[in-house]
Amino acid sequence: MTTNTPDANKKVLAGVLAIVLGAFGVHKFVLGYTTEGLIMLLVSLVGGVITCGLASAAMGIVGLIEGIIYLTKSDEEFVNTYIVNKKGWL
């Protein structure tokens, strides 16, 4: 049985944002992970300029993987892992 909590609604939003805008860490900000979001944003922008886009591509891949992980978890598992236990990375 799956519980329908307001925090479970963030799953789809965070998952889609991670897939579409993952390199910029937007999904991290939605989940309340400001530090992790800033790290992804700075690595993408600053590191992307220094490495001719390789750092941005790497952050995009991380975002894609996280988005898939978010969307494949059950609502209950998502809430327990990312809202309650605050698992910031993958």
PDB file of N, CA and C in Angstrom:
ATOM      1  N   MET A   1       0.847  -1.175   0.000  1.00  0.00           N
ATOM      2  CA  MET A   1       0.000   0.000   0.000  1.00  0.00           C
ATOM      3  C   MET A   1       0.893   1.238   0.000  1.00  0.00           C
ATOM      4  N   THR A   2       0.588   2.183  -0.845  1.00  0.00           N
ATOM      5  CA  THR A   2       1.380   3.397  -0.969  1.00  0.00           C
ATOM      6  C   THR A   2       0.673   4.546  -0.268  1.00  0.00           C
ATOM      7  N   THR A   3       1.440   5.294   0.507  1.00  0.00           N
ATOM      8  CA  THR A   3       0.874   6.459   1.178  1.00  0.00           C
ATOM      9  C   THR A   3       0.961   7.654   0.249  1.00  0.00           C
ATOM     10  N   ASN A   4      -0.041   8.500   0.294  1.00  0.00           N
ATOM     11  CA  ASN A   4      -0.051   9.684  -0.554  1.00  0.00           C
ATOM     12  C   ASN A   4       0.150  10.907   0.331  1.00  0.00           C
ATOM     13  N   THR A   5       1.398  11.298   0.521  1.00  0.00           N
ATOM     14  CA  THR A   5       1.715  12.465   1.323  1.00  0.00           C
ATOM     15  C   THR A   5       2.055  13.617   0.397  1.00  0.00           C
ATOM     16  N   PRO A   6       1.954  14.848   0.871  1.00  0.00           N
ATOM     17  CA  PRO A   6       2.318  15.992   0.036  1.00  0.00           C
ATOM     18  C   PRO A   6       3.771  15.919  -0.455  1.00  0.00           C
ATOM     19  N   ASP A   7       4.659  15.349   0.349  1.00  0.00           N
ATOM     20  CA  ASP A   7       6.056  15.242  -0.055  1.00  0.00           C
ATOM     21  C   ASP A   7       6.240  14.269  -1.206  1.00  0.00           C
ATOM     22  N   ALA A   8       5.350  13.293  -1.326  1.00  0.00           N
ATOM     23  CA  ALA A   8       5.436  12.335  -2.431  1.00  0.00           C
ATOM     24  C   ALA A   8       5.171  13.025  -3.764  1.00  0.00           C
ATOM     25  N   ASN A   9       4.446  14.141  -3.751  1.00  0.00           N
ATOM     26  CA  ASN A   9       4.175  14.878  -4.983  1.00  0.00           C
ATOM     27  C   ASN A   9       5.443  15.490  -5.566  1.00  0.00           C
ATOM     28  N   LYS A  10       6.454  15.670  -4.750  1.00  0.00           N
ATOM     29  CA  LYS A  10       7.728  16.223  -5.234  1.00  0.00           C
ATOM     30  C   LYS A  10       8.487  15.224  -6.096  1.00  0.00           C
ATOM     31  N   LYS A  11       8.129  13.955  -6.001  1.00  0.00           N
ATOM     32  CA  LYS A  11       8.847  12.908  -6.720  1.00  0.00           C
ATOM     33  C   LYS A  11       8.828  13.147  -8.221  1.00  0.00           C
ATOM     34  N   VAL A  12       7.650  13.343  -8.785  1.00  0.00           N
ATOM     35  CA  VAL A  12       7.529  13.518 -10.234  1.00  0.00           C
ATOM     36  C   VAL A  12       8.181  14.826 -10.661  1.00  0.00           C
ATOM     37  N   LEU A  13       7.939  15.900  -9.926  1.00  0.00           N
ATOM     38  CA  LEU A  13       8.539  17.188 -10.260  1.00  0.00           C
ATOM     39  C   LEU A  13      10.061  17.108 -10.219  1.00  0.00           C
ATOM     40  N   ALA A  14      10.607  16.546  -9.140  1.00  0.00           N
ATOM     41  CA  ALA A  14      12.059  16.431  -9.008  1.00  0.00           C
ATOM     42  C   ALA A  14      12.628  15.503 -10.077  1.00  0.00           C
ATOM     43  N   GLY A  15      11.930  14.414 -10.369  1.00  0.00           N
ATOM     44  CA  GLY A  15      12.400  13.479 -11.381  1.00  0.00           C
ATOM     45  C   GLY A  15      12.460  14.093 -12.765  1.00  0.00           C
ATOM     46  N   VAL A  16      11.409  14.802 -13.152  1.00  0.00           N
ATOM     47  CA  VAL A  16      11.377  15.440 -14.474  1.00  0.00           C
ATOM     48  C   VAL A  16      12.413  16.559 -14.557  1.00  0.00           C
ATOM     49  N   LEU A  17      12.510  17.365 -13.516  1.00  0.00           N
ATOM     50  CA  LEU A  17      13.510  18.437 -13.518  1.00  0.00           C
ATOM     51  C   LEU A  17      14.926  17.877 -13.552  1.00  0.00           C
ATOM     52  N   ALA A  18      15.152  16.760 -12.879  1.00  0.00           N
ATOM     53  CA  ALA A  18      16.477  16.144 -12.894  1.00  0.00           C
ATOM     54  C   ALA A  18      16.836  15.675 -14.300  1.00  0.00           C
ATOM     55  N   ILE A  19      15.863  15.136 -15.011  1.00  0.00           N
ATOM     56  CA  ILE A  19      16.128  14.661 -16.369  1.00  0.00           C
ATOM     57  C   ILE A  19      16.323  15.830 -17.327  1.00  0.00           C
ATOM     58  N   VAL A  20      15.496  16.864 -17.215  1.00  0.00           N
ATOM     59  CA  VAL A  20      15.537  17.978 -18.164  1.00  0.00           C
ATOM     60  C   VAL A  20      16.611  19.009 -17.814  1.00  0.00           C
ATOM     61  N   LEU A  21      16.706  19.410 -16.545  1.00  0.00           N
ATOM     62  CA  LEU A  21      17.631  20.463 -16.123  1.00  0.00           C
ATOM     63  C   LEU A  21      18.616  19.968 -15.068  1.00  0.00           C
ATOM     64  N   GLY A  22      18.905  18.695 -15.078  1.00  0.00           N
ATOM     65  CA  GLY A  22      19.730  18.085 -14.040  1.00  0.00           C
ATOM     66  C   GLY A  22      21.105  18.682 -13.887  1.00  0.00           C
ATOM     67  N   ALA A  23      21.700  19.125 -14.964  1.00  0.00           N
ATOM     68  CA  ALA A  23      23.051  19.686 -14.896  1.00  0.00           C
ATOM     69  C   ALA A  23      23.108  20.915 -14.004  1.00  0.00           C
ATOM     70  N   PHE A  24      22.002  21.612 -13.877  1.00  0.00           N
ATOM     71  CA  PHE A  24      21.976  22.842 -13.079  1.00  0.00           C
ATOM     72  C   PHE A  24      21.494  22.621 -11.652  1.00  0.00           C
ATOM     73  N   GLY A  25      21.154  21.389 -11.291  1.00  0.00           N
ATOM     74  CA  GLY A  25      20.785  21.064  -9.922  1.00  0.00           C
ATOM     75  C   GLY A  25      19.430  21.579  -9.475  1.00  0.00           C
ATOM     76  N   VAL A  26      18.562  21.912 -10.414  1.00  0.00           N
ATOM     77  CA  VAL A  26      17.249  22.459 -10.063  1.00  0.00           C
ATOM     78  C   VAL A  26      16.468  21.476  -9.186  1.00  0.00           C
ATOM     79  N   HIS A  27      16.571  20.190  -9.477  1.00  0.00           N
ATOM     80  CA  HIS A  27      15.849  19.179  -8.703  1.00  0.00           C
ATOM     81  C   HIS A  27      16.311  19.141  -7.249  1.00  0.00           C
ATOM     82  N   LYS A  28      17.573  19.476  -7.011  1.00  0.00           N
ATOM     83  CA  LYS A  28      18.086  19.499  -5.636  1.00  0.00           C
ATOM     84  C   LYS A  28      17.420  20.623  -4.837  1.00  0.00           C
ATOM     85  N   PHE A  29      17.239  21.777  -5.478  1.00  0.00           N
ATOM     86  CA  PHE A  29      16.580  22.896  -4.807  1.00  0.00           C
ATOM     87  C   PHE A  29      15.131  22.554  -4.483  1.00  0.00           C
ATOM     88  N   VAL A  30      14.443  21.841  -5.382  1.00  0.00           N
ATOM     89  CA  VAL A  30      13.050  21.438  -5.155  1.00  0.00           C
ATOM     90  C   VAL A  30      12.952  20.541  -3.931  1.00  0.00           C
ATOM     91  N   LEU A  31      13.947  19.663  -3.747  1.00  0.00           N
ATOM     92  CA  LEU A  31      13.935  18.743  -2.606  1.00  0.00           C
ATOM     93  C   LEU A  31      14.489  19.375  -1.331  1.00  0.00           C
ATOM     94  N   GLY A  32      14.962  20.622  -1.411  1.00  0.00           N
ATOM     95  CA  GLY A  32      15.475  21.310  -0.236  1.00  0.00           C
ATOM     96  C   GLY A  32      16.954  21.102   0.016  1.00  0.00           C
ATOM     97  N   TYR A  33      17.669  20.578  -0.945  1.00  0.00           N
ATOM     98  CA  TYR A  33      19.114  20.349  -0.828  1.00  0.00           C
ATOM     99  C   TYR A  33      19.863  21.525  -1.457  1.00  0.00           C
ATOM    100  N   THR A  34      19.912  22.630  -0.754  1.00  0.00           N
ATOM    101  CA  THR A  34      20.512  23.845  -1.298  1.00  0.00           C
ATOM    102  C   THR A  34      22.004  23.680  -1.571  1.00  0.00           C
ATOM    103  N   THR A  35      22.737  23.093  -0.642  1.00  0.00           N
ATOM    104  CA  THR A  35      24.185  22.925  -0.825  1.00  0.00           C
ATOM    105  C   THR A  35      24.487  22.066  -2.046  1.00  0.00           C
ATOM    106  N   GLU A  36      23.799  20.930  -2.171  1.00  0.00           N
ATOM    107  CA  GLU A  36      24.019  20.048  -3.305  1.00  0.00           C
ATOM    108  C   GLU A  36      23.632  20.723  -4.617  1.00  0.00           C
ATOM    109  N   GLY A  37      22.539  21.495  -4.582  1.00  0.00           N
ATOM    110  CA  GLY A  37      22.113  22.228  -5.770  1.00  0.00           C
ATOM    111  C   GLY A  37      23.132  23.259  -6.198  1.00  0.00           C
ATOM    112  N   LEU A  38      23.681  23.990  -5.230  1.00  0.00           N
ATOM    113  CA  LEU A  38      24.709  24.981  -5.563  1.00  0.00           C
ATOM    114  C   LEU A  38      25.972  24.323  -6.105  1.00  0.00           C
ATOM    115  N   ILE A  39      26.337  23.175  -5.555  1.00  0.00           N
ATOM    116  CA  ILE A  39      27.511  22.456  -6.058  1.00  0.00           C
ATOM    117  C   ILE A  39      27.300  22.076  -7.520  1.00  0.00           C
ATOM    118  N   MET A  40      26.136  21.506  -7.834  1.00  0.00           N
ATOM    119  CA  MET A  40      25.866  21.115  -9.222  1.00  0.00           C
ATOM    120  C   MET A  40      25.832  22.330 -10.144  1.00  0.00           C
ATOM    121  N   LEU A  41      25.228  23.405  -9.683  1.00  0.00           N
ATOM    122  CA  LEU A  41      25.148  24.616 -10.496  1.00  0.00           C
ATOM    123  C   LEU A  41      26.530  25.196 -10.778  1.00  0.00           C
ATOM    124  N   LEU A  42      27.350  25.302  -9.739  1.00  0.00           N
ATOM    125  CA  LEU A  42      28.692  25.867  -9.916  1.00  0.00           C
ATOM    126  C   LEU A  42      29.593  24.966 -10.755  1.00  0.00           C
ATOM    127  N   VAL A  43      29.509  23.659 -10.536  1.00  0.00           N
ATOM    128  CA  VAL A  43      30.313  22.738 -11.353  1.00  0.00           C
ATOM    129  C   VAL A  43      29.898  22.852 -12.814  1.00  0.00           C
ATOM    130  N   SER A  44      28.602  22.943 -13.069  1.00  0.00           N
ATOM    131  CA  SER A  44      28.131  23.052 -14.450  1.00  0.00           C
ATOM    132  C   SER A  44      28.554  24.356 -15.102  1.00  0.00           C
ATOM    133  N   LEU A  45      28.405  25.451 -14.382  1.00  0.00           N
ATOM    134  CA  LEU A  45      28.703  26.751 -14.984  1.00  0.00           C
ATOM    135  C   LEU A  45      30.201  27.052 -15.010  1.00  0.00           C
ATOM    136  N   VAL A  46      30.837  27.029 -13.860  1.00  0.00           N
ATOM    137  CA  VAL A  46      32.259  27.366 -13.779  1.00  0.00           C
ATOM    138  C   VAL A  46      33.113  26.241 -14.364  1.00  0.00           C
ATOM    139  N   GLY A  47      32.845  25.031 -13.900  1.00  0.00           N
ATOM    140  CA  GLY A  47      33.601  23.891 -14.413  1.00  0.00           C
ATOM    141  C   GLY A  47      33.367  23.668 -15.884  1.00  0.00           C
ATOM    142  N   GLY A  48      32.162  23.950 -16.347  1.00  0.00           N
ATOM    143  CA  GLY A  48      31.854  23.802 -17.767  1.00  0.00           C
ATOM    144  C   GLY A  48      32.663  24.736 -18.638  1.00  0.00           C
ATOM    145  N   VAL A  49      32.880  25.946 -18.162  1.00  0.00           N
ATOM    146  CA  VAL A  49      33.694  26.910 -18.917  1.00  0.00           C
ATOM    147  C   VAL A  49      35.156  26.461 -18.941  1.00  0.00           C
ATOM    148  N   ILE A  50      35.650  26.028 -17.800  1.00  0.00           N
ATOM    149  CA  ILE A  50      37.060  25.622 -17.693  1.00  0.00           C
ATOM    150  C   ILE A  50      37.335  24.353 -18.501  1.00  0.00           C
ATOM    151  N   THR A  51      36.402  23.408 -18.501  1.00  0.00           N
ATOM    152  CA  THR A  51      36.630  22.116 -19.164  1.00  0.00           C
ATOM    153  C   THR A  51      35.950  22.025 -20.527  1.00  0.00           C
ATOM    154  N   CYS A  52      35.553  23.147 -21.089  1.00  0.00           N
ATOM    155  CA  CYS A  52      34.881  23.183 -22.407  1.00  0.00           C
ATOM    156  C   CYS A  52      33.620  22.323 -22.430  1.00  0.00           C
ATOM    157  N   GLY A  53      32.889  22.312 -21.341  1.00  0.00           N
ATOM    158  CA  GLY A  53      31.604  21.633 -21.278  1.00  0.00           C
ATOM    159  C   GLY A  53      31.614  20.234 -20.697  1.00  0.00           C
ATOM    160  N   LEU A  54      32.785  19.673 -20.440  1.00  0.00           N
ATOM    161  CA  LEU A  54      32.828  18.311 -19.907  1.00  0.00           C
ATOM    162  C   LEU A  54      32.218  18.211 -18.515  1.00  0.00           C
ATOM    163  N   ALA A  55      32.478  19.196 -17.671  1.00  0.00           N
ATOM    164  CA  ALA A  55      31.899  19.184 -16.322  1.00  0.00           C
ATOM    165  C   ALA A  55      30.378  19.313 -16.397  1.00  0.00           C
ATOM    166  N   SER A  56      29.888  20.126 -17.309  1.00  0.00           N
ATOM    167  CA  SER A  56      28.444  20.274 -17.480  1.00  0.00           C
ATOM    168  C   SER A  56      27.823  18.969 -17.960  1.00  0.00           C
ATOM    169  N   ALA A  57      28.496  18.297 -18.870  1.00  0.00           N
ATOM    170  CA  ALA A  57      28.003  17.012 -19.363  1.00  0.00           C
ATOM    171  C   ALA A  57      27.961  15.983 -18.237  1.00  0.00           C
ATOM    172  N   ALA A  58      28.992  15.983 -17.395  1.00  0.00           N
ATOM    173  CA  ALA A  58      29.030  15.052 -16.263  1.00  0.00           C
ATOM    174  C   ALA A  58      27.875  15.324 -15.303  1.00  0.00           C
ATOM    175  N   MET A  59      27.607  16.589 -15.014  1.00  0.00           N
ATOM    176  CA  MET A  59      26.494  16.931 -14.130  1.00  0.00           C
ATOM    177  C   MET A  59      25.162  16.580 -14.779  1.00  0.00           C
ATOM    178  N   GLY A  60      25.075  16.702 -16.087  1.00  0.00           N
ATOM    179  CA  GLY A  60      23.864  16.307 -16.806  1.00  0.00           C
ATOM    180  C   GLY A  60      23.602  14.816 -16.681  1.00  0.00           C
ATOM    181  N   ILE A  61      24.675  14.020 -16.751  1.00  0.00           N
ATOM    182  CA  ILE A  61      24.536  12.569 -16.596  1.00  0.00           C
ATOM    183  C   ILE A  61      24.108  12.225 -15.173  1.00  0.00           C
ATOM    184  N   VAL A  62      24.692  12.912 -14.191  1.00  0.00           N
ATOM    185  CA  VAL A  62      24.291  12.695 -12.794  1.00  0.00           C
ATOM    186  C   VAL A  62      22.812  13.036 -12.627  1.00  0.00           C
ATOM    187  N   GLY A  63      22.385  14.147 -13.191  1.00  0.00           N
ATOM    188  CA  GLY A  63      20.976  14.538 -13.112  1.00  0.00           C
ATOM    189  C   GLY A  63      20.057  13.528 -13.774  1.00  0.00           C
ATOM    190  N   LEU A  64      20.459  13.019 -14.931  1.00  0.00           N
ATOM    191  CA  LEU A  64      19.660  12.013 -15.628  1.00  0.00           C
ATOM    192  C   LEU A  64      19.504  10.751 -14.784  1.00  0.00           C
ATOM    193  N   ILE A  65      20.605  10.290 -14.218  1.00  0.00           N
ATOM    194  CA  ILE A  65      20.566   9.093 -13.372  1.00  0.00           C
ATOM    195  C   ILE A  65      19.681   9.326 -12.153  1.00  0.00           C
ATOM    196  N   GLU A  66      19.847  10.485 -11.506  1.00  0.00           N
ATOM    197  CA  GLU A  66      19.021  10.778 -10.325  1.00  0.00           C
ATOM    198  C   GLU A  66      17.547  10.868 -10.698  1.00  0.00           C
ATOM    199  N   GLY A  67      17.239  11.467 -11.833  1.00  0.00           N
ATOM    200  CA  GLY A  67      15.848  11.560 -12.271  1.00  0.00           C
ATOM    201  C   GLY A  67      15.221  10.199 -12.472  1.00  0.00           C
ATOM    202  N   ILE A  68      15.962   9.295 -13.093  1.00  0.00           N
ATOM    203  CA  ILE A  68      15.457   7.938 -13.305  1.00  0.00           C
ATOM    204  C   ILE A  68      15.258   7.232 -11.966  1.00  0.00           C
ATOM    205  N   ILE A  69      16.219   7.413 -11.058  1.00  0.00           N
ATOM    206  CA  ILE A  69      16.096   6.797  -9.730  1.00  0.00           C
ATOM    207  C   ILE A  69      14.859   7.335  -9.008  1.00  0.00           C
ATOM    208  N   TYR A  70      14.659   8.648  -9.036  1.00  0.00           N
ATOM    209  CA  TYR A  70      13.500   9.238  -8.362  1.00  0.00           C
ATOM    210  C   TYR A  70      12.194   8.656  -8.906  1.00  0.00           C
ATOM    211  N   LEU A  71      12.086   8.592 -10.219  1.00  0.00           N
ATOM    212  CA  LEU A  71      10.832   8.181 -10.840  1.00  0.00           C
ATOM    213  C   LEU A  71      10.548   6.688 -10.705  1.00  0.00           C
ATOM    214  N   THR A  72      11.571   5.886 -10.486  1.00  0.00           N
ATOM    215  CA  THR A  72      11.353   4.442 -10.368  1.00  0.00           C
ATOM    216  C   THR A  72      11.086   3.990  -8.935  1.00  0.00           C
ATOM    217  N   LYS A  73      11.296   4.860  -7.968  1.00  0.00           N
ATOM    218  CA  LYS A  73      11.010   4.511  -6.574  1.00  0.00           C
ATOM    219  C   LYS A  73       9.512   4.659  -6.300  1.00  0.00           C
ATOM    220  N   SER A  74       9.029   3.867  -5.360  1.00  0.00           N
ATOM    221  CA  SER A  74       7.648   4.050  -4.921  1.00  0.00           C
ATOM    222  C   SER A  74       7.569   5.361  -4.141  1.00  0.00           C
ATOM    223  N   ASP A  75       6.364   5.881  -3.986  1.00  0.00           N
ATOM    224  CA  ASP A  75       6.184   7.131  -3.236  1.00  0.00           C
ATOM    225  C   ASP A  75       6.733   6.998  -1.817  1.00  0.00           C
ATOM    226  N   GLU A  76       6.419   5.888  -1.176  1.00  0.00           N
ATOM    227  CA  GLU A  76       6.860   5.676   0.202  1.00  0.00           C
ATOM    228  C   GLU A  76       8.386   5.599   0.293  1.00  0.00           C
ATOM    229  N   GLU A  77       8.982   4.873  -0.631  1.00  0.00           N
ATOM    230  CA  GLU A  77      10.441   4.737  -0.646  1.00  0.00           C
ATOM    231  C   GLU A  77      11.109   6.078  -0.940  1.00  0.00           C
ATOM    232  N   PHE A  78      10.531   6.852  -1.856  1.00  0.00           N
ATOM    233  CA  PHE A  78      11.059   8.177  -2.182  1.00  0.00           C
ATOM    234  C   PHE A  78      11.035   9.088  -0.968  1.00  0.00           C
ATOM    235  N   VAL A  79       9.886   9.137  -0.272  1.00  0.00           N
ATOM    236  CA  VAL A  79       9.749   9.997   0.908  1.00  0.00           C
ATOM    237  C   VAL A  79      10.737   9.572   1.990  1.00  0.00           C
ATOM    238  N   ASN A  80      10.841   8.275   2.246  1.00  0.00           N
ATOM    239  CA  ASN A  80      11.759   7.790   3.279  1.00  0.00           C
ATOM    240  C   ASN A  80      13.212   8.105   2.944  1.00  0.00           C
ATOM    241  N   THR A  81      13.584   7.951   1.689  1.00  0.00           N
ATOM    242  CA  THR A  81      14.981   8.141   1.295  1.00  0.00           C
ATOM    243  C   THR A  81      15.359   9.611   1.179  1.00  0.00           C
ATOM    244  N   TYR A  82      14.552  10.400   0.487  1.00  0.00           N
ATOM    245  CA  TYR A  82      14.965  11.762   0.137  1.00  0.00           C
ATOM    246  C   TYR A  82      14.340  12.861   0.988  1.00  0.00           C
ATOM    247  N   ILE A  83      13.215  12.614   1.601  1.00  0.00           N
ATOM    248  CA  ILE A  83      12.579  13.643   2.430  1.00  0.00           C
ATOM    249  C   ILE A  83      12.915  13.407   3.904  1.00  0.00           C
ATOM    250  N   VAL A  84      12.720  12.182   4.384  1.00  0.00           N
ATOM    251  CA  VAL A  84      12.949  11.880   5.798  1.00  0.00           C
ATOM    252  C   VAL A  84      14.438  11.738   6.100  1.00  0.00           C
ATOM    253  N   ASN A  85      15.132  10.887   5.358  1.00  0.00           N
ATOM    254  CA  ASN A  85      16.547  10.605   5.629  1.00  0.00           C
ATOM    255  C   ASN A  85      17.526  11.557   4.954  1.00  0.00           C
ATOM    256  N   LYS A  86      17.034  12.446   4.110  1.00  0.00           N
ATOM    257  CA  LYS A  86      17.835  13.488   3.462  1.00  0.00           C
ATOM    258  C   LYS A  86      19.085  12.945   2.746  1.00  0.00           C
ATOM    259  N   LYS A  87      18.899  11.931   1.906  1.00  0.00           N
ATOM    260  CA  LYS A  87      19.998  11.398   1.103  1.00  0.00           C
ATOM    261  C   LYS A  87      20.225  12.356  -0.059  1.00  0.00           C
ATOM    262  N   GLY A  88      21.323  13.107  -0.037  1.00  0.00           N
ATOM    263  CA  GLY A  88      21.542  14.173  -0.995  1.00  0.00           C
ATOM    264  C   GLY A  88      22.052  13.752  -2.357  1.00  0.00           C
ATOM    265  N   TRP A  89      22.759  12.658  -2.446  1.00  0.00           N
ATOM    266  CA  TRP A  89      23.362  12.251  -3.722  1.00  0.00           C
ATOM    267  C   TRP A  89      22.973  10.835  -4.066  1.00  0.00           C
ATOM    268  N   LEU A  90      22.681  10.626  -5.323  1.00  0.00           N
ATOM    269  CA  LEU A  90      22.317   9.318  -5.871  1.00  0.00           C
ATOM    270  C   LEU A  90      21.770   8.440  -4.796  1.00  0.00           C
TER     271      LEU A  90
END
